[in-house]
C-alpha atoms as a PDB file:
ATOM      1  CA  UNK A   1     274.644  35.040  53.161  1.00  0.00           C
ATOM      2  CA  UNK A   2     277.388  36.204  55.408  1.00  0.00           C
ATOM      3  CA  UNK A   3     276.491  39.202  57.292  1.00  0.00           C
ATOM      4  CA  UNK A   4     278.552  42.412  57.621  1.00  0.00           C
ATOM      5  CA  UNK A   5     280.728  43.352  60.605  1.00  0.00           C
ATOM      6  CA  UNK A   6     277.899  45.720  61.306  1.00  0.00           C
ATOM      7  CA  UNK A   7     275.369  42.854  61.644  1.00  0.00           C
ATOM      8  CA  UNK A   8     277.730  40.831  63.843  1.00  0.00           C
ATOM      9  CA  UNK A   9     278.252  43.712  66.251  1.00  0.00           C
ATOM     10  CA  UNK A  10     274.369  44.366  66.186  1.00  0.00           C
ATOM     11  CA  UNK A  11     273.641  40.976  66.875  1.00  0.00           C
ATOM     12  CA  UNK A  12     275.887  40.892  69.910  1.00  0.00           C
ATOM     13  CA  UNK A  13     274.221  44.355  71.138  1.00  0.00           C
ATOM     14  CA  UNK A  14     270.734  42.774  70.698  1.00  0.00           C
ATOM     15  CA  UNK A  15     272.035  39.697  72.852  1.00  0.00           C
ATOM     16  CA  UNK A  16     273.095  42.139  75.697  1.00  0.00           C
ATOM     17  CA  UNK A  17     270.032  44.246  75.401  1.00  0.00           C
ATOM     18  CA  UNK A  18     267.596  41.322  75.307  1.00  0.00           C
ATOM     19  CA  UNK A  19     269.277  40.103  78.605  1.00  0.00           C
ATOM     20  CA  UNK A  20     269.215  43.419  80.205  1.00  0.00           C
ATOM     21  CA  UNK A  21     265.536  43.759  79.270  1.00  0.00           C
ATOM     22  CA  UNK A  22     264.722  40.677  81.244  1.00  0.00           C
ATOM     23  CA  UNK A  23     264.726  37.890  78.584  1.00  0.00           C
ATOM     24  CA  UNK A  24     265.101  34.346  79.960  1.00  0.00           C
ATOM     25  CA  UNK A  25     268.505  32.897  78.697  1.00  0.00           C
ATOM     26  CA  UNK A  26     268.728  29.231  78.680  1.00  0.00           C
ATOM     27  CA  UNK A  27     272.258  27.793  77.844  1.00  0.00           C
ATOM     28  CA  UNK A  28     273.347  24.271  76.630  1.00  0.00           C
ATOM     29  CA  UNK A  29     275.412  22.743  79.547  1.00  0.00           C
ATOM     30  CA  UNK A  30     275.641  19.260  77.890  1.00  0.00           C
ATOM     31  CA  UNK A  31     275.929  17.359  74.746  1.00  0.00           C
ATOM     32  CA  UNK A  32     272.277  16.318  74.129  1.00  0.00           C
ATOM     33  CA  UNK A  33     268.968  16.379  72.420  1.00  0.00           C
ATOM     34  CA  UNK A  34     267.030  19.659  72.105  1.00  0.00           C
ATOM     35  CA  UNK A  35     263.925  18.086  73.681  1.00  0.00           C
ATOM     36  CA  UNK A  36     265.941  16.883  76.830  1.00  0.00           C
ATOM     37  CA  UNK A  37     265.878  19.094  79.893  1.00  0.00           C
ATOM     38  CA  UNK A  38     269.322  17.603  80.946  1.00  0.00           C
ATOM     39  CA  UNK A  39     270.934  19.439  77.878  1.00  0.00           C
ATOM     40  CA  UNK A  40     269.952  22.750  79.348  1.00  0.00           C
ATOM     41  CA  UNK A  41     270.724  24.989  82.277  1.00  0.00           C
ATOM     42  CA  UNK A  42     267.291  25.620  83.313  1.00  0.00           C
ATOM     43  CA  UNK A  43     266.351  21.893  83.398  1.00  0.00           C
ATOM     44  CA  UNK A  44     263.824  22.474  80.807  1.00  0.00           C
ATOM     45  CA  UNK A  45     263.387  22.455  76.904  1.00  0.00           C
ATOM     46  CA  UNK A  46     263.812  25.962  75.322  1.00  0.00           C
ATOM     47  CA  UNK A  47     260.373  27.434  74.521  1.00  0.00           C
ATOM     48  CA  UNK A  48     259.002  30.782  72.897  1.00  0.00           C
ATOM     49  CA  UNK A  49     260.481  33.887  74.317  1.00  0.00           C
ATOM     50  CA  UNK A  50     263.688  32.359  75.293  1.00  0.00           C
ATOM     51  CA  UNK A  51     267.306  33.490  74.293  1.00  0.00           C
ATOM     52  CA  UNK A  52     269.115  30.253  73.649  1.00  0.00           C
ATOM     53  CA  UNK A  53     272.742  29.954  73.866  1.00  0.00           C
ATOM     54  CA  UNK A  54     274.888  26.982  72.415  1.00  0.00           C
ATOM     55  CA  UNK A  55     278.406  27.561  73.540  1.00  0.00           C
ATOM     56  CA  UNK A  56     281.708  26.505  71.995  1.00  0.00           C
ATOM     57  CA  UNK A  57     282.330  22.669  72.631  1.00  0.00           C
ATOM     58  CA  UNK A  58     278.646  21.786  73.292  1.00  0.00           C
ATOM     59  CA  UNK A  59     276.538  19.925  70.476  1.00  0.00           C
ATOM     60  CA  UNK A  60     272.628  20.218  70.469  1.00  0.00           C
ATOM     61  CA  UNK A  61     270.795  17.706  68.344  1.00  0.00           C
ATOM     62  CA  UNK A  62     267.298  17.920  67.001  1.00  0.00           C
ATOM     63  CA  UNK A  63     266.248  14.286  66.772  1.00  0.00           C
ATOM     64  CA  UNK A  64     262.462  14.902  66.335  1.00  0.00           C
ATOM     65  CA  UNK A  65     259.956  17.087  64.908  1.00  0.00           C
ATOM     66  CA  UNK A  66     260.040  20.511  66.969  1.00  0.00           C
ATOM     67  CA  UNK A  67     257.368  23.105  66.326  1.00  0.00           C
ATOM     68  CA  UNK A  68     257.422  26.261  68.351  1.00  0.00           C
ATOM     69  CA  UNK A  69     255.170  28.284  66.106  1.00  0.00           C
ATOM     70  CA  UNK A  70     251.931  27.912  68.089  1.00  0.00           C
ATOM     71  CA  UNK A  71     253.364  29.862  71.126  1.00  0.00           C
ATOM     72  CA  UNK A  72     253.992  32.951  69.026  1.00  0.00           C
ATOM     73  CA  UNK A  73     256.954  34.629  70.860  1.00  0.00           C
ATOM     74  CA  UNK A  74     260.217  34.817  68.851  1.00  0.00           C
ATOM     75  CA  UNK A  75     263.174  32.576  69.828  1.00  0.00           C
ATOM     76  CA  UNK A  76     266.726  34.028  69.523  1.00  0.00           C
ATOM     77  CA  UNK A  77     269.628  31.496  69.368  1.00  0.00           C
ATOM     78  CA  UNK A  78     273.244  32.058  69.532  1.00  0.00           C
ATOM     79  CA  UNK A  79     275.378  29.345  68.148  1.00  0.00           C
ATOM     80  CA  UNK A  80     279.119  29.114  69.134  1.00  0.00           C
ATOM     81  CA  UNK A  81     279.059  25.385  69.096  1.00  0.00           C
ATOM     82  CA  UNK A  82     277.216  22.727  66.897  1.00  0.00           C
ATOM     83  CA  UNK A  83     273.413  22.746  66.204  1.00  0.00           C
ATOM     84  CA  UNK A  84     272.768  19.668  64.189  1.00  0.00           C
ATOM     85  CA  UNK A  85     269.775  17.513  63.028  1.00  0.00           C
ATOM     86  CA  UNK A  86     269.303  13.853  62.496  1.00  0.00           C
ATOM     87  CA  UNK A  87     267.637  12.696  59.315  1.00  0.00           C
ATOM     88  CA  UNK A  88     264.191  13.893  58.432  1.00  0.00           C
ATOM     89  CA  UNK A  89     263.945  16.058  61.565  1.00  0.00           C
ATOM     90  CA  UNK A  90     263.274  19.760  61.513  1.00  0.00           C
ATOM     91  CA  UNK A  91     262.558  22.791  64.026  1.00  0.00           C
ATOM     92  CA  UNK A  92     259.860  25.430  63.193  1.00  0.00           C
ATOM     93  CA  UNK A  93     260.351  28.733  64.859  1.00  0.00           C
ATOM     94  CA  UNK A  94     257.775  31.634  65.416  1.00  0.00           C
ATOM     95  CA  UNK A  95     258.089  34.860  63.184  1.00  0.00           C
ATOM     96  CA  UNK A  96     260.585  37.322  64.568  1.00  0.00           C
ATOM     97  CA  UNK A  97     262.997  34.479  65.485  1.00  0.00           C
ATOM     98  CA  UNK A  98     266.785  34.466  64.641  1.00  0.00           C
ATOM     99  CA  UNK A  99     269.563  32.062  64.594  1.00  0.00           C
ATOM    100  CA  UNK A 100     272.939  33.646  64.873  1.00  0.00           C
ATOM    101  CA  UNK A 101     276.015  31.851  63.945  1.00  0.00           C
ATOM    102  CA  UNK A 102     278.940  33.180  65.904  1.00  0.00           C
ATOM    103  CA  UNK A 103     282.640  32.366  65.339  1.00  0.00           C
ATOM    104  CA  UNK A 104     283.137  28.705  65.525  1.00  0.00           C
ATOM    105  CA  UNK A 105     279.396  27.865  65.347  1.00  0.00           C
ATOM    106  CA  UNK A 106     277.901  25.465  63.002  1.00  0.00           C
ATOM    107  CA  UNK A 107     274.398  24.235  61.708  1.00  0.00           C
ATOM    108  CA  UNK A 108     274.628  20.741  60.063  1.00  0.00           C
ATOM    109  CA  UNK A 109     272.944  17.378  59.591  1.00  0.00           C
ATOM    110  CA  UNK A 110     274.332  14.917  62.062  1.00  0.00           C
ATOM    111  CA  UNK A 111     274.891  12.327  59.431  1.00  0.00           C
ATOM    112  CA  UNK A 112     275.994  12.289  55.839  1.00  0.00           C
ATOM    113  CA  UNK A 113     273.601  13.196  53.023  1.00  0.00           C
ATOM    114  CA  UNK A 114     271.296  16.134  52.293  1.00  0.00           C
ATOM    115  CA  UNK A 115     267.685  16.247  51.545  1.00  0.00           C
ATOM    116  CA  UNK A 116     264.942  18.742  52.214  1.00  0.00           C
ATOM    117  CA  UNK A 117     262.955  17.405  54.955  1.00  0.00           C
ATOM    118  CA  UNK A 118     265.719  18.195  57.532  1.00  0.00           C
ATOM    119  CA  UNK A 119     265.399  21.895  58.036  1.00  0.00           C
ATOM    120  CA  UNK A 120     265.116  25.180  60.058  1.00  0.00           C
ATOM    121  CA  UNK A 121     261.994  27.282  59.287  1.00  0.00           C
ATOM    122  CA  UNK A 122     260.998  30.651  60.632  1.00  0.00           C
ATOM    123  CA  UNK A 123     257.583  32.206  60.100  1.00  0.00           C
ATOM    124  CA  UNK A 124     256.944  29.445  57.528  1.00  0.00           C
ATOM    125  CA  UNK A 125     260.132  30.172  55.543  1.00  0.00           C
ATOM    126  CA  UNK A 126     262.757  27.494  55.139  1.00  0.00           C
ATOM    127  CA  UNK A 127     265.752  29.241  56.292  1.00  0.00           C
ATOM    128  CA  UNK A 128     268.142  26.167  56.077  1.00  0.00           C
ATOM    129  CA  UNK A 129     267.821  22.616  54.702  1.00  0.00           C
ATOM    130  CA  UNK A 130     270.308  19.612  54.741  1.00  0.00           C
ATOM    131  CA  UNK A 131     270.475  19.921  50.992  1.00  0.00           C
ATOM    132  CA  UNK A 132     272.282  23.231  51.443  1.00  0.00           C
ATOM    133  CA  UNK A 133     275.045  21.629  53.282  1.00  0.00           C
ATOM    134  CA  UNK A 134     276.613  22.701  56.586  1.00  0.00           C
ATOM    135  CA  UNK A 135     276.777  26.645  57.429  1.00  0.00           C
ATOM    136  CA  UNK A 136     279.255  28.030  59.772  1.00  0.00           C
ATOM    137  CA  UNK A 137     279.719  31.404  61.442  1.00  0.00           C
ATOM    138  CA  UNK A 138     279.710  34.064  61.001  1.00  0.00           C
ATOM    139  CA  UNK A 139     276.201  33.986  59.538  1.00  0.00           C
ATOM    140  CA  UNK A 140     272.598  34.407  60.450  1.00  0.00           C
ATOM    141  CA  UNK A 141     269.177  32.938  59.801  1.00  0.00           C
ATOM    142  CA  UNK A 142     265.886  34.846  60.195  1.00  0.00           C
ATOM    143  CA  UNK A 143     264.342  38.267  59.360  1.00  0.00           C
ATOM    144  CA  UNK A 144     261.108  36.930  58.142  1.00  0.00           C
ATOM    145  CA  UNK A 145     257.893  38.260  59.925  1.00  0.00           C
ATOM    146  CA  UNK A 146     260.007  40.434  62.308  1.00  0.00           C
ATOM    147  CA  UNK A 147     257.509  42.617  64.157  1.00  0.00           C
ATOM    148  CA  UNK A 148     258.913  45.268  66.155  1.00  0.00           C
ATOM    149  CA  UNK A 149     256.078  44.934  68.813  1.00  0.00           C
ATOM    150  CA  UNK A 150     253.914  41.963  69.720  1.00  0.00           C
ATOM    151  CA  UNK A 151     250.932  43.445  71.134  1.00  0.00           C
ATOM    152  CA  UNK A 152     248.891  41.557  73.973  1.00  0.00           C
ATOM    153  CA  UNK A 153     246.246  44.032  75.255  1.00  0.00           C
ATOM    154  CA  UNK A 154     245.246  47.622  74.624  1.00  0.00           C
ATOM    155  CA  UNK A 155     242.298  49.088  76.935  1.00  0.00           C
ATOM    156  CA  UNK A 156     240.944  52.170  78.373  1.00  0.00           C
ATOM    157  CA  UNK A 157     238.277  53.214  80.985  1.00  0.00           C
ATOM    158  CA  UNK A 158     236.927  56.560  82.459  1.00  0.00           C
ATOM    159  CA  UNK A 159     237.814  56.964  86.027  1.00  0.00           C
ATOM    160  CA  UNK A 160     237.316  60.545  87.865  1.00  0.00           C
ATOM    161  CA  UNK A 161     236.583  62.170  84.521  1.00  0.00           C
ATOM    162  CA  UNK A 162     239.914  60.997  83.177  1.00  0.00           C
ATOM    163  CA  UNK A 163     240.736  58.414  80.530  1.00  0.00           C
ATOM    164  CA  UNK A 164     243.166  55.763  81.926  1.00  0.00           C
ATOM    165  CA  UNK A 165     244.917  53.796  78.944  1.00  0.00           C
ATOM    166  CA  UNK A 166     246.675  50.686  79.577  1.00  0.00           C
ATOM    167  CA  UNK A 167     248.375  48.237  77.212  1.00  0.00           C
ATOM    168  CA  UNK A 168     250.988  45.363  77.145  1.00  0.00           C
ATOM    169  CA  UNK A 169     253.448  43.707  74.804  1.00  0.00           C
ATOM    170  CA  UNK A 170     254.746  40.065  74.572  1.00  0.00           C
ATOM    171  CA  UNK A 171     257.932  41.042  73.012  1.00  0.00           C
ATOM    172  CA  UNK A 172     259.700  44.184  71.545  1.00  0.00           C
ATOM    173  CA  UNK A 173     262.376  44.600  69.071  1.00  0.00           C
ATOM    174  CA  UNK A 174     264.086  47.911  68.497  1.00  0.00           C
ATOM    175  CA  UNK A 175     261.325  49.766  70.304  1.00  0.00           C
ATOM    176  CA  UNK A 176     261.961  53.303  70.945  1.00  0.00           C
ATOM    177  CA  UNK A 177     258.786  54.784  72.222  1.00  0.00           C
ATOM    178  CA  UNK A 178     254.954  54.897  71.835  1.00  0.00           C
ATOM    179  CA  UNK A 179     253.122  57.654  70.452  1.00  0.00           C
ATOM    180  CA  UNK A 180     249.482  57.855  72.020  1.00  0.00           C
ATOM    181  CA  UNK A 181     247.083  59.616  69.649  1.00  0.00           C
ATOM    182  CA  UNK A 182     243.430  60.578  70.213  1.00  0.00           C
ATOM    183  CA  UNK A 183     240.372  61.555  68.066  1.00  0.00           C
ATOM    184  CA  UNK A 184     236.649  62.052  68.461  1.00  0.00           C
ATOM    185  CA  UNK A 185     235.740  60.991  64.913  1.00  0.00           C
ATOM    186  CA  UNK A 186     238.074  57.908  64.335  1.00  0.00           C
ATOM    187  CA  UNK A 187     239.621  59.560  61.299  1.00  0.00           C
ATOM    188  CA  UNK A 188     241.586  62.623  62.169  1.00  0.00           C
ATOM    189  CA  UNK A 189     244.076  61.776  65.208  1.00  0.00           C
ATOM    190  CA  UNK A 190     246.224  64.277  67.409  1.00  0.00           C
ATOM    191  CA  UNK A 191     249.209  63.300  69.342  1.00  0.00           C
ATOM    192  CA  UNK A 192     248.512  63.587  73.097  1.00  0.00           C
ATOM    193  CA  UNK A 193     251.542  61.932  74.584  1.00  0.00           C
ATOM    194  CA  UNK A 194     254.715  59.759  74.468  1.00  0.00           C
ATOM    195  CA  UNK A 195     255.526  56.815  76.581  1.00  0.00           C
ATOM    196  CA  UNK A 196     259.138  55.356  76.330  1.00  0.00           C
ATOM    197  CA  UNK A 197     259.446  51.748  75.078  1.00  0.00           C
ATOM    198  CA  UNK A 198     261.846  48.795  76.424  1.00  0.00           C
ATOM    199  CA  UNK A 199     264.081  48.546  73.408  1.00  0.00           C
ATOM    200  CA  UNK A 200     264.600  44.779  72.912  1.00  0.00           C
ATOM    201  CA  UNK A 201     262.613  42.539  75.286  1.00  0.00           C
ATOM    202  CA  UNK A 202     261.017  38.997  75.252  1.00  0.00           C
ATOM    203  CA  UNK A 203     259.509  39.699  78.612  1.00  0.00           C
ATOM    204  CA  UNK A 204     255.818  40.977  78.957  1.00  0.00           C
ATOM    205  CA  UNK A 205     255.898  44.674  79.518  1.00  0.00           C
ATOM    206  CA  UNK A 206     253.046  46.858  80.952  1.00  0.00           C
ATOM    207  CA  UNK A 207     252.328  50.522  80.011  1.00  0.00           C
ATOM    208  CA  UNK A 208     249.880  53.135  81.029  1.00  0.00           C
ATOM    209  CA  UNK A 209     248.930  56.638  80.111  1.00  0.00           C
ATOM    210  CA  UNK A 210     246.312  59.003  81.489  1.00  0.00           C
ATOM    211  CA  UNK A 211     244.303  61.407  79.209  1.00  0.00           C
ATOM    212  CA  UNK A 212     243.257  64.310  81.658  1.00  0.00           C
ATOM    213  CA  UNK A 213     240.877  65.921  79.207  1.00  0.00           C
ATOM    214  CA  UNK A 214     238.763  63.094  77.355  1.00  0.00           C
ATOM    215  CA  UNK A 215     235.845  64.539  75.340  1.00  0.00           C
ATOM    216  CA  UNK A 216     232.126  64.036  76.254  1.00  0.00           C
ATOM    217  CA  UNK A 217     230.983  60.866  74.519  1.00  0.00           C
ATOM    218  CA  UNK A 218     233.204  58.721  72.320  1.00  0.00           C
ATOM    219  CA  UNK A 219     236.938  58.926  72.325  1.00  0.00           C
ATOM    220  CA  UNK A 220     239.184  57.081  70.075  1.00  0.00           C
ATOM    221  CA  UNK A 221     242.645  55.958  70.877  1.00  0.00           C
ATOM    222  CA  UNK A 222     245.603  54.420  69.132  1.00  0.00           C
ATOM    223  CA  UNK A 223     249.142  53.698  69.799  1.00  0.00           C
ATOM    224  CA  UNK A 224     251.945  54.241  67.261  1.00  0.00           C
ATOM    225  CA  UNK A 225     254.876  52.303  68.178  1.00  0.00           C
ATOM    226  CA  UNK A 226     258.195  53.981  66.775  1.00  0.00           C
ATOM    227  CA  UNK A 227     261.318  52.251  66.256  1.00  0.00           C
ATOM    228  CA  UNK A 228     264.882  53.617  66.891  1.00  0.00           C
ATOM    229  CA  UNK A 229     265.240  53.987  63.217  1.00  0.00           C
ATOM    230  CA  UNK A 230     261.883  55.997  62.868  1.00  0.00           C
ATOM    231  CA  UNK A 231     259.736  53.090  61.422  1.00  0.00           C
ATOM    232  CA  UNK A 232     256.186  53.028  62.784  1.00  0.00           C
ATOM    233  CA  UNK A 233     253.832  50.282  63.639  1.00  0.00           C
ATOM    234  CA  UNK A 234     250.255  51.123  64.723  1.00  0.00           C
ATOM    235  CA  UNK A 235     248.103  49.347  67.246  1.00  0.00           C
ATOM    236  CA  UNK A 236     244.446  48.485  66.940  1.00  0.00           C
ATOM    237  CA  UNK A 237     241.986  51.436  67.630  1.00  0.00           C
ATOM    238  CA  UNK A 238     239.992  51.478  70.919  1.00  0.00           C
ATOM    239  CA  UNK A 239     237.050  53.557  71.701  1.00  0.00           C
ATOM    240  CA  UNK A 240     236.484  54.913  75.382  1.00  0.00           C
ATOM    241  CA  UNK A 241     233.049  56.512  76.145  1.00  0.00           C
ATOM    242  CA  UNK A 242     232.929  59.360  78.428  1.00  0.00           C
ATOM    243  CA  UNK A 243     229.318  60.107  79.950  1.00  0.00           C
ATOM    244  CA  UNK A 244     230.122  63.315  81.333  1.00  0.00           C
ATOM    245  CA  UNK A 245     227.671  66.149  80.874  1.00  0.00           C
ATOM    246  CA  UNK A 246     227.000  68.362  77.740  1.00  0.00           C
ATOM    247  CA  UNK A 247     230.100  70.013  76.691  1.00  0.00           C
ATOM    248  CA  UNK A 248     229.893  73.899  77.183  1.00  0.00           C
ATOM    249  CA  UNK A 249     231.617  76.229  74.910  1.00  0.00           C
ATOM    250  CA  UNK A 250     231.258  79.817  76.176  1.00  0.00           C
ATOM    251  CA  UNK A 251     232.827  83.288  76.406  1.00  0.00           C
ATOM    252  CA  UNK A 252     233.717  83.658  72.942  1.00  0.00           C
ATOM    253  CA  UNK A 253     235.399  86.588  71.971  1.00  0.00           C
ATOM    254  CA  UNK A 254     237.206  88.089  68.732  1.00  0.00           C
ATOM    255  CA  UNK A 255     240.136  90.295  68.683  1.00  0.00           C
ATOM    256  CA  UNK A 256     240.791  92.386  66.678  1.00  0.00           C
ATOM    257  CA  UNK A 257     237.082  93.068  65.640  1.00  0.00           C
ATOM    258  CA  UNK A 258     236.130  94.839  63.454  1.00  0.00           C
ATOM    259  CA  UNK A 259     238.316  92.476  61.156  1.00  0.00           C
ATOM    260  CA  UNK A 260     240.394  93.319  58.130  1.00  0.00           C
ATOM    261  CA  UNK A 261     242.315  90.148  57.438  1.00  0.00           C
ATOM    262  CA  UNK A 262     242.901  87.799  60.616  1.00  0.00           C
ATOM    263  CA  UNK A 263     241.455  87.476  64.198  1.00  0.00           C
ATOM    264  CA  UNK A 264     241.960  85.344  67.069  1.00  0.00           C
ATOM    265  CA  UNK A 265     238.909  83.703  68.339  1.00  0.00           C
ATOM    266  CA  UNK A 266     239.029  83.049  72.138  1.00  0.00           C
ATOM    267  CA  UNK A 267     236.677  80.847  74.201  1.00  0.00           C
ATOM    268  CA  UNK A 268     236.554  78.447  77.061  1.00  0.00           C
ATOM    269  CA  UNK A 269     235.778  74.726  77.032  1.00  0.00           C
ATOM    270  CA  UNK A 270     234.787  72.268  79.852  1.00  0.00           C
ATOM    271  CA  UNK A 271     236.165  69.348  78.087  1.00  0.00           C
ATOM    272  CA  UNK A 272     238.707  68.575  75.497  1.00  0.00           C
ATOM    273  CA  UNK A 273     237.089  68.151  71.958  1.00  0.00           C
ATOM    274  CA  UNK A 274     237.340  68.680  68.337  1.00  0.00           C
ATOM    275  CA  UNK A 275     235.688  71.807  67.500  1.00  0.00           C
ATOM    276  CA  UNK A 276     234.643  73.652  64.133  1.00  0.00           C
ATOM    277  CA  UNK A 277     234.915  77.483  63.874  1.00  0.00           C
ATOM    278  CA  UNK A 278     232.328  78.658  61.352  1.00  0.00           C
ATOM    279  CA  UNK A 279     231.776  82.344  59.931  1.00  0.00           C
ATOM    280  CA  UNK A 280     228.161  82.835  58.717  1.00  0.00           C
ATOM    281  CA  UNK A 281     226.597  85.673  56.850  1.00  0.00           C
ATOM    282  CA  UNK A 282     223.320  87.263  57.571  1.00  0.00           C
ATOM    283  CA  UNK A 283     221.459  84.528  55.474  1.00  0.00           C
ATOM    284  CA  UNK A 284     223.049  81.700  57.821  1.00  0.00           C
ATOM    285  CA  UNK A 285     225.225  80.592  55.196  1.00  0.00           C
ATOM    286  CA  UNK A 286     228.682  79.392  56.072  1.00  0.00           C
ATOM    287  CA  UNK A 287     231.449  81.459  54.531  1.00  0.00           C
ATOM    288  CA  UNK A 288     234.464  79.964  56.179  1.00  0.00           C
ATOM    289  CA  UNK A 289     235.106  77.092  58.242  1.00  0.00           C
ATOM    290  CA  UNK A 290     238.137  76.070  60.390  1.00  0.00           C
ATOM    291  CA  UNK A 291     238.773  72.947  62.352  1.00  0.00           C
ATOM    292  CA  UNK A 292     240.479  73.172  65.816  1.00  0.00           C
ATOM    293  CA  UNK A 293     241.269  71.021  68.951  1.00  0.00           C
ATOM    294  CA  UNK A 294     240.001  72.633  71.944  1.00  0.00           C
ATOM    295  CA  UNK A 295     241.330  71.923  75.570  1.00  0.00           C
ATOM    296  CA  UNK A 296     240.002  72.592  79.041  1.00  0.00           C
ATOM    297  CA  UNK A 297     239.935  76.066  79.907  1.00  0.00           C
ATOM    298  CA  UNK A 298     240.811  79.126  77.564  1.00  0.00           C
ATOM    299  CA  UNK A 299     241.505  78.478  73.926  1.00  0.00           C
ATOM    300  CA  UNK A 300     242.954  80.991  71.285  1.00  0.00           C
ATOM    301  CA  UNK A 301     242.513  79.993  67.659  1.00  0.00           C
ATOM    302  CA  UNK A 302     244.039  82.135  64.816  1.00  0.00           C
ATOM    303  CA  UNK A 303     241.526  82.373  62.106  1.00  0.00           C
ATOM    304  CA  UNK A 304     242.728  83.764  58.792  1.00  0.00           C
ATOM    305  CA  UNK A 305     241.697  84.251  55.070  1.00  0.00           C
ATOM    306  CA  UNK A 306     238.944  86.828  56.362  1.00  0.00           C
ATOM    307  CA  UNK A 307     240.057  89.344  53.550  1.00  0.00           C
ATOM    308  CA  UNK A 308     238.019  87.093  51.238  1.00  0.00           C
ATOM    309  CA  UNK A 309     234.804  88.310  53.039  1.00  0.00           C
ATOM    310  CA  UNK A 310     233.036  91.269  51.944  1.00  0.00           C
ATOM    311  CA  UNK A 311     232.275  94.298  54.132  1.00  0.00           C
ATOM    312  CA  UNK A 312     229.535  93.558  56.647  1.00  0.00           C
ATOM    313  CA  UNK A 313     228.148  91.869  59.643  1.00  0.00           C
ATOM    314  CA  UNK A 314     228.816  87.984  60.444  1.00  0.00           C
ATOM    315  CA  UNK A 315     228.332  85.512  62.961  1.00  0.00           C
ATOM    316  CA  UNK A 316     230.983  83.333  64.615  1.00  0.00           C
ATOM    317  CA  UNK A 317     229.618  79.863  65.881  1.00  0.00           C
ATOM    318  CA  UNK A 318     232.059  77.347  67.453  1.00  0.00           C
ATOM    319  CA  UNK A 319     230.515  73.752  66.954  1.00  0.00           C
ATOM    320  CA  UNK A 320     231.139  70.568  68.654  1.00  0.00           C
ATOM    321  CA  UNK A 321     229.837  66.902  68.601  1.00  0.00           C
ATOM    322  CA  UNK A 322     227.690  67.975  71.650  1.00  0.00           C
ATOM    323  CA  UNK A 323     226.357  71.283  70.622  1.00  0.00           C
ATOM    324  CA  UNK A 324     227.157  74.588  69.629  1.00  0.00           C
ATOM    325  CA  UNK A 325     228.397  77.880  71.396  1.00  0.00           C
ATOM    326  CA  UNK A 326     226.417  81.095  71.627  1.00  0.00           C
ATOM    327  CA  UNK A 327     226.808  83.048  68.513  1.00  0.00           C
ATOM    328  CA  UNK A 328     229.394  85.917  68.689  1.00  0.00           C
ATOM    329  CA  UNK A 329     229.176  89.008  66.204  1.00  0.00           C
ATOM    330  CA  UNK A 330     232.005  89.752  63.536  1.00  0.00           C
ATOM    331  CA  UNK A 331     232.293  92.889  61.592  1.00  0.00           C
ATOM    332  CA  UNK A 332     234.332  92.836  58.588  1.00  0.00           C
ATOM    333  CA  UNK A 333     235.747  96.143  57.633  1.00  0.00           C
END
C-alpha cells in the first residue's frame, strides 16, 4: 500500500527523533550480504534496536535465513537503495519493526521468479514475499505488534519513609509521558505524578519517581504510559510494603456543626492513606459513607447529602486500613 505524504513526513521525522534519542544507526557502506560485517559502517551485522540505513547506490542481499525475533527490540530500516533476497531466504523481524522504502528504494528477489518462501516477516506477519513482485518507494512494511513502550523493569522500595519507584524501557515509540498512579486496595487508583517520556528511542531509558507519602502497609503502584496522541498503555502493578507505625487520624472537626445540608470534615493524618468517612446514628448504623484520599497533615473533605438525615445526634468516624479515628459528634438540625 502506498503511504500518504503524511506517512512519508512522519517516517522521516521518526528517523530524526530516533537518532536524537540515541538509537544506534548502522549504514550500508558497500554492496554485500546482510550477515557480513564488511557491508556495514560499524563492522558488524545489524541487530535488534538498530536503525538500519541502505542508501542510494548500495545493495544489501539476504542470502541466508535471518531471524531477529528472539532479541525482541524493533528494527527500523530505511531503504533508498536495494534490499534484495536470494531464492528461499528470508528475514524475520521483531514486533514493532518497520521497513520504510524511500524514493528510489526497492525490495525485490535477487533472481527471476516468485514464490512464498523468500520473504520479510514482522511480528509473525508476512509483510512481503517474492511472489508479490518487487516493491519500490515510496512505501512501507510494518505496523504489526507495535508497542509504544517495551517495558524492562519496574520496582519500588521504602527508604527514609518514602517510596522510591524506578523503571526502565527497552524502546519507546511516540511516548509522551508516564502517569504514576497509586492505590491501597489495588482496585481504585489515584494519580500522584507525571514523568516525561523520551518520545522515540531504541536505547534503554531509566526513570524514577518518589512518593513522599506512602501509606502504612501495602501500597500498589502502576504506570500509565501515554502517547502523544493520548493512547494509554499500562504497566504491571507492583506492591511496596511500608512498615511504618500505625496510622493516626486525629483532630477531627466539622464546620458548620450543627448541620443543615453540607459540612466540611477536617482532620490530620500522619501518612497518606485511603479513608472512609462514615456517619452513624445512635444505634451505630451507618447512614452515609464517603471515600476520600488523605495526605500527611491537615485534610478538609466536603461532605454533602446530609439533608437526607433526620434531625438528631450522629457520630462521624474516619476509618482507614490501619484503624479508625476517635469519633466526632454531629448535630443534624
